[in-house]
Amino acid sequence: MQITAHSSARRYATVVDRVQLIAQPAMRLVEQAMGRPLGHASIVITDSRRLRDVVLDAETSALGERHKVEWISDGRRHGCTTLTSSGVVIVIDAEECQKWGNHTDVTVVHELVHGVQLSRPSDRADYLQGLRYNHGITPLSPAEVRAVNRRVDAREREAGRLERLARQLKETA
């Protein structure tokens, strides 16, 4: 798994260092708990200003085309996992992780769970369907949107439940 830190994230060296230290052990914990491998993934550590661009570039890669998309964020996103053409990218917002009491371990575990989820062929196809809708490429009926959102909520609940694995990373100094 490749880990890249944007120059904008270097102001948050403690978060960058922690992600680099725990990424592999966290990946093993998540894979063991979920019973399946992560697949091709990379981690990008950035700040709040660059998060949107990194995510949209990855999604453009997954979709094979760029469309105008409205970015909706509550401004408190510690991380985001999305598809790329070859797998997933996990984007960690070092600024937010540090601002909220160094939320790094929980964020890395949570996003790795999403990475493993998106390695499931059915979840990847479902997520891609949602991306195509969000990017204005493929329309969905209101019932289809509700169904996609229910599946997104289920993935979020699963990631939330597995955040407990982050406690095991405290031993990683």
C-alpha atoms as a PDB file:
ATOM      1  CA  MET A   1       0.000   0.000   0.000  1.00  0.00           C
ATOM      2  CA  GLN A   2       1.502   3.285  -1.105  1.00  0.00           C
ATOM      3  CA  ILE A   3       1.287   6.225   1.313  1.00  0.00           C
ATOM      4  CA  THR A   4       1.749   9.760   0.007  1.00  0.00           C
ATOM      5  CA  ALA A   5       1.716  12.968   2.027  1.00  0.00           C
ATOM      6  CA  HIS A   6       0.984  16.182   0.173  1.00  0.00           C
ATOM      7  CA  SER A   7       3.252  19.066   1.029  1.00  0.00           C
ATOM      8  CA  SER A   8       0.207  20.838   2.499  1.00  0.00           C
ATOM      9  CA  ALA A   9      -0.074  18.068   5.120  1.00  0.00           C
ATOM     10  CA  ARG A  10       3.499  18.415   6.336  1.00  0.00           C
ATOM     11  CA  ARG A  11       2.326  21.043   8.830  1.00  0.00           C
ATOM     12  CA  TYR A  12       0.626  18.146  10.583  1.00  0.00           C
ATOM     13  CA  ALA A  13       3.732  15.980  10.951  1.00  0.00           C
ATOM     14  CA  THR A  14       2.405  14.057  13.962  1.00  0.00           C
ATOM     15  CA  VAL A  15      -0.602  12.871  11.938  1.00  0.00           C
ATOM     16  CA  VAL A  16       1.509  12.058   8.870  1.00  0.00           C
ATOM     17  CA  ASP A  17       3.998  10.097  10.998  1.00  0.00           C
ATOM     18  CA  ARG A  18       1.208   8.238  12.781  1.00  0.00           C
ATOM     19  CA  VAL A  19      -0.529   7.230   9.543  1.00  0.00           C
ATOM     20  CA  GLN A  20       2.750   5.934   8.150  1.00  0.00           C
ATOM     21  CA  LEU A  21       3.365   3.964  11.346  1.00  0.00           C
ATOM     22  CA  ILE A  22      -0.068   2.343  11.732  1.00  0.00           C
ATOM     23  CA  ALA A  23      -1.282   1.857   8.154  1.00  0.00           C
ATOM     24  CA  GLN A  24       0.064  -1.676   7.699  1.00  0.00           C
ATOM     25  CA  PRO A  25      -0.900  -3.005  11.169  1.00  0.00           C
ATOM     26  CA  ALA A  26      -4.342  -1.397  10.808  1.00  0.00           C
ATOM     27  CA  MET A  27      -4.782  -2.992   7.400  1.00  0.00           C
ATOM     28  CA  ARG A  28      -4.000  -6.432   8.834  1.00  0.00           C
ATOM     29  CA  LEU A  29      -6.490  -5.934  11.696  1.00  0.00           C
ATOM     30  CA  VAL A  30      -9.248  -4.829   9.310  1.00  0.00           C
ATOM     31  CA  GLU A  31      -8.603  -7.617   6.822  1.00  0.00           C
ATOM     32  CA  GLN A  32      -8.668 -10.191   9.625  1.00  0.00           C
ATOM     33  CA  ALA A  33     -11.892  -8.799  11.087  1.00  0.00           C
ATOM     34  CA  MET A  34     -13.617  -8.624   7.700  1.00  0.00           C
ATOM     35  CA  GLY A  35     -12.257 -11.890   6.334  1.00  0.00           C
ATOM     36  CA  ARG A  36     -11.128 -10.452   3.013  1.00  0.00           C
ATOM     37  CA  PRO A  37      -8.125  -8.548   1.643  1.00  0.00           C
ATOM     38  CA  LEU A  38      -8.047  -4.839   0.967  1.00  0.00           C
ATOM     39  CA  GLY A  39      -6.962  -5.145  -2.647  1.00  0.00           C
ATOM     40  CA  HIS A  40      -5.154  -2.355  -4.495  1.00  0.00           C
ATOM     41  CA  ALA A  41      -5.203   0.741  -2.323  1.00  0.00           C
ATOM     42  CA  SER A  42      -3.244   3.878  -1.683  1.00  0.00           C
ATOM     43  CA  ILE A  43      -3.390   6.394   1.131  1.00  0.00           C
ATOM     44  CA  VAL A  44      -3.072  10.110   0.495  1.00  0.00           C
ATOM     45  CA  ILE A  45      -2.572  12.418   3.463  1.00  0.00           C
ATOM     46  CA  THR A  46      -3.616  15.970   2.784  1.00  0.00           C
ATOM     47  CA  ASP A  47      -5.317  18.941   4.417  1.00  0.00           C
ATOM     48  CA  SER A  48      -8.882  20.228   4.293  1.00  0.00           C
ATOM     49  CA  ARG A  49      -8.255  22.452   1.275  1.00  0.00           C
ATOM     50  CA  ARG A  50      -6.900  19.623  -0.925  1.00  0.00           C
ATOM     51  CA  LEU A  51      -9.243  16.813   0.156  1.00  0.00           C
ATOM     52  CA  ARG A  52     -11.908  17.674  -2.417  1.00  0.00           C
ATOM     53  CA  ASP A  53      -9.439  17.760  -5.316  1.00  0.00           C
ATOM     54  CA  VAL A  54      -7.853  14.425  -4.394  1.00  0.00           C
ATOM     55  CA  VAL A  55     -11.250  12.734  -4.115  1.00  0.00           C
ATOM     56  CA  LEU A  56     -12.600  14.190  -7.347  1.00  0.00           C
ATOM     57  CA  ASP A  57      -9.424  13.244  -9.254  1.00  0.00           C
ATOM     58  CA  ALA A  58      -9.772   9.655  -8.026  1.00  0.00           C
ATOM     59  CA  GLU A  59     -13.449   9.527  -8.937  1.00  0.00           C
ATOM     60  CA  THR A  60     -12.684  10.898 -12.400  1.00  0.00           C
ATOM     61  CA  SER A  61     -10.180   8.068 -12.787  1.00  0.00           C
ATOM     62  CA  ALA A  62     -12.809   5.505 -11.741  1.00  0.00           C
ATOM     63  CA  LEU A  63     -15.469   6.956 -14.027  1.00  0.00           C
ATOM     64  CA  GLY A  64     -13.151   7.495 -16.971  1.00  0.00           C
ATOM     65  CA  GLU A  65     -14.537  10.988 -17.501  1.00  0.00           C
ATOM     66  CA  ARG A  66     -14.881  14.267 -15.652  1.00  0.00           C
ATOM     67  CA  HIS A  67     -18.246  15.813 -15.032  1.00  0.00           C
ATOM     68  CA  LYS A  68     -19.279  18.787 -13.033  1.00  0.00           C
ATOM     69  CA  VAL A  69     -20.153  17.657  -9.552  1.00  0.00           C
ATOM     70  CA  GLU A  70     -21.232  19.695  -6.575  1.00  0.00           C
ATOM     71  CA  TRP A  71     -19.066  18.943  -3.571  1.00  0.00           C
ATOM     72  CA  ILE A  72     -21.098  18.727  -0.413  1.00  0.00           C
ATOM     73  CA  SER A  73     -19.213  18.597   2.853  1.00  0.00           C
ATOM     74  CA  ASP A  74     -19.998  19.476   6.422  1.00  0.00           C
ATOM     75  CA  GLY A  75     -16.368  20.528   6.837  1.00  0.00           C
ATOM     76  CA  ARG A  76     -15.656  17.898   9.500  1.00  0.00           C
ATOM     77  CA  ARG A  77     -14.497  15.053   7.335  1.00  0.00           C
ATOM     78  CA  HIS A  78     -11.485  13.273   8.814  1.00  0.00           C
ATOM     79  CA  GLY A  79     -11.111  11.015   5.805  1.00  0.00           C
ATOM     80  CA  CYS A  80     -12.755   9.734   2.681  1.00  0.00           C
ATOM     81  CA  THR A  81     -12.424   6.523   0.692  1.00  0.00           C
ATOM     82  CA  THR A  82     -13.399   6.384  -2.935  1.00  0.00           C
ATOM     83  CA  LEU A  83     -12.823   4.371  -6.062  1.00  0.00           C
ATOM     84  CA  THR A  84     -10.012   4.776  -8.576  1.00  0.00           C
ATOM     85  CA  SER A  85      -9.622   3.014 -11.893  1.00  0.00           C
ATOM     86  CA  SER A  86      -7.533   0.288 -10.234  1.00  0.00           C
ATOM     87  CA  GLY A  87      -8.830   0.079  -6.672  1.00  0.00           C
ATOM     88  CA  VAL A  88      -9.410   2.615  -3.925  1.00  0.00           C
ATOM     89  CA  VAL A  89      -7.788   5.696  -2.524  1.00  0.00           C
ATOM     90  CA  ILE A  90      -8.044   6.510   1.153  1.00  0.00           C
ATOM     91  CA  VAL A  91      -7.698  10.225   1.752  1.00  0.00           C
ATOM     92  CA  ILE A  92      -6.805  11.313   5.276  1.00  0.00           C
ATOM     93  CA  ASP A  93      -7.370  14.941   6.258  1.00  0.00           C
ATOM     94  CA  ALA A  94      -4.440  15.540   8.596  1.00  0.00           C
ATOM     95  CA  GLU A  95      -5.752  18.968   9.549  1.00  0.00           C
ATOM     96  CA  GLU A  96      -9.094  17.606  10.761  1.00  0.00           C
ATOM     97  CA  CYS A  97      -7.518  14.605  12.500  1.00  0.00           C
ATOM     98  CA  GLN A  98      -5.254  16.892  14.485  1.00  0.00           C
ATOM     99  CA  LYS A  99      -7.934  19.501  15.150  1.00  0.00           C
ATOM    100  CA  TRP A 100     -10.271  16.926  16.707  1.00  0.00           C
ATOM    101  CA  GLY A 101      -7.841  15.512  19.247  1.00  0.00           C
ATOM    102  CA  ASN A 102      -5.653  13.533  16.904  1.00  0.00           C
ATOM    103  CA  HIS A 103      -8.380  11.260  15.617  1.00  0.00           C
ATOM    104  CA  THR A 104      -5.890   9.483  13.365  1.00  0.00           C
ATOM    105  CA  ASP A 105      -6.109   5.827  14.461  1.00  0.00           C
ATOM    106  CA  VAL A 106      -9.908   5.703  14.318  1.00  0.00           C
ATOM    107  CA  THR A 107      -9.946   7.502  10.961  1.00  0.00           C
ATOM    108  CA  VAL A 108      -7.409   5.135   9.396  1.00  0.00           C
ATOM    109  CA  VAL A 109      -9.313   2.057  10.603  1.00  0.00           C
ATOM    110  CA  HIS A 110     -12.686   3.473   9.516  1.00  0.00           C
ATOM    111  CA  GLU A 111     -11.420   4.308   6.036  1.00  0.00           C
ATOM    112  CA  LEU A 112      -9.620   0.964   5.664  1.00  0.00           C
ATOM    113  CA  VAL A 113     -12.955  -0.744   6.388  1.00  0.00           C
ATOM    114  CA  HIS A 114     -14.456   1.238   3.518  1.00  0.00           C
ATOM    115  CA  GLY A 115     -11.516   0.175   1.367  1.00  0.00           C
ATOM    116  CA  VAL A 116     -12.184  -3.493   2.072  1.00  0.00           C
ATOM    117  CA  GLN A 117     -15.910  -2.970   1.508  1.00  0.00           C
ATOM    118  CA  LEU A 118     -15.221  -1.457  -1.902  1.00  0.00           C
ATOM    119  CA  SER A 119     -13.086  -4.471  -2.807  1.00  0.00           C
ATOM    120  CA  ARG A 120     -16.254  -6.573  -2.699  1.00  0.00           C
ATOM    121  CA  PRO A 121     -17.450  -6.742  -6.329  1.00  0.00           C
ATOM    122  CA  SER A 122     -21.096  -6.011  -5.423  1.00  0.00           C
ATOM    123  CA  ASP A 123     -20.175  -3.027  -3.214  1.00  0.00           C
ATOM    124  CA  ARG A 124     -17.797  -1.663  -5.850  1.00  0.00           C
ATOM    125  CA  ALA A 125     -20.537  -1.868  -8.508  1.00  0.00           C
ATOM    126  CA  ASP A 126     -23.047  -0.265  -6.142  1.00  0.00           C
ATOM    127  CA  TYR A 127     -20.629   2.532  -5.214  1.00  0.00           C
ATOM    128  CA  LEU A 128     -19.840   3.129  -8.892  1.00  0.00           C
ATOM    129  CA  GLN A 129     -23.566   3.407  -9.599  1.00  0.00           C
ATOM    130  CA  GLY A 130     -23.805   6.065  -6.878  1.00  0.00           C
ATOM    131  CA  LEU A 131     -20.797   7.924  -8.285  1.00  0.00           C
ATOM    132  CA  ARG A 132     -22.284   7.927 -11.770  1.00  0.00           C
ATOM    133  CA  TYR A 133     -25.474   9.404 -10.303  1.00  0.00           C
ATOM    134  CA  ASN A 134     -23.630  11.954  -8.141  1.00  0.00           C
ATOM    135  CA  HIS A 135     -21.567  13.077 -11.128  1.00  0.00           C
ATOM    136  CA  GLY A 136     -24.666  13.516 -13.296  1.00  0.00           C
ATOM    137  CA  ILE A 137     -23.810  10.683 -15.695  1.00  0.00           C
ATOM    138  CA  THR A 138     -26.602   8.187 -14.982  1.00  0.00           C
ATOM    139  CA  PRO A 139     -29.999   9.148 -13.615  1.00  0.00           C
ATOM    140  CA  LEU A 140     -31.606   7.080 -10.876  1.00  0.00           C
ATOM    141  CA  SER A 141     -35.218   6.968  -9.808  1.00  0.00           C
ATOM    142  CA  PRO A 142     -36.046   8.197  -6.301  1.00  0.00           C
ATOM    143  CA  ALA A 143     -36.493   4.572  -5.194  1.00  0.00           C
ATOM    144  CA  GLU A 144     -33.061   3.669  -6.594  1.00  0.00           C
ATOM    145  CA  VAL A 145     -31.475   6.646  -4.808  1.00  0.00           C
ATOM    146  CA  ARG A 146     -33.065   5.566  -1.520  1.00  0.00           C
ATOM    147  CA  ALA A 147     -31.788   2.004  -2.024  1.00  0.00           C
ATOM    148  CA  VAL A 148     -28.249   3.210  -2.777  1.00  0.00           C
ATOM    149  CA  ASN A 149     -28.357   5.477   0.286  1.00  0.00           C
ATOM    150  CA  ARG A 150     -29.514   2.598   2.493  1.00  0.00           C
ATOM    151  CA  ARG A 151     -26.519   0.558   1.350  1.00  0.00           C
ATOM    152  CA  VAL A 152     -24.191   3.508   1.998  1.00  0.00           C
ATOM    153  CA  ASP A 153     -25.663   3.789   5.503  1.00  0.00           C
ATOM    154  CA  ALA A 154     -25.103   0.060   6.080  1.00  0.00           C
ATOM    155  CA  ARG A 155     -21.440   0.407   5.035  1.00  0.00           C
ATOM    156  CA  GLU A 156     -21.065   3.366   7.411  1.00  0.00           C
ATOM    157  CA  ARG A 157     -22.552   1.360  10.283  1.00  0.00           C
ATOM    158  CA  GLU A 158     -20.146  -1.502   9.597  1.00  0.00           C
ATOM    159  CA  ALA A 159     -17.174   0.888   9.515  1.00  0.00           C
ATOM    160  CA  GLY A 160     -18.366   2.492  12.743  1.00  0.00           C
ATOM    161  CA  ARG A 161     -18.628  -0.868  14.484  1.00  0.00           C
ATOM    162  CA  LEU A 162     -15.097  -1.827  13.441  1.00  0.00           C
ATOM    163  CA  GLU A 163     -13.562   1.437  14.665  1.00  0.00           C
ATOM    164  CA  ARG A 164     -13.016  -0.467  17.925  1.00  0.00           C
ATOM    165  CA  LEU A 165     -10.006  -2.077  16.222  1.00  0.00           C
ATOM    166  CA  ALA A 166      -8.179   1.245  16.570  1.00  0.00           C
ATOM    167  CA  ARG A 167      -7.714   0.531  20.298  1.00  0.00           C
ATOM    168  CA  GLN A 168      -5.345  -2.291  19.361  1.00  0.00           C
ATOM    169  CA  LEU A 169      -3.128   0.207  17.537  1.00  0.00           C
ATOM    170  CA  LYS A 170      -2.327   2.110  20.734  1.00  0.00           C
ATOM    171  CA  GLU A 171       0.377  -0.478  21.344  1.00  0.00           C
ATOM    172  CA  THR A 172       2.027   0.621  18.066  1.00  0.00           C
ATOM    173  CA  ALA A 173       4.344   3.366  19.270  1.00  0.00           C
END
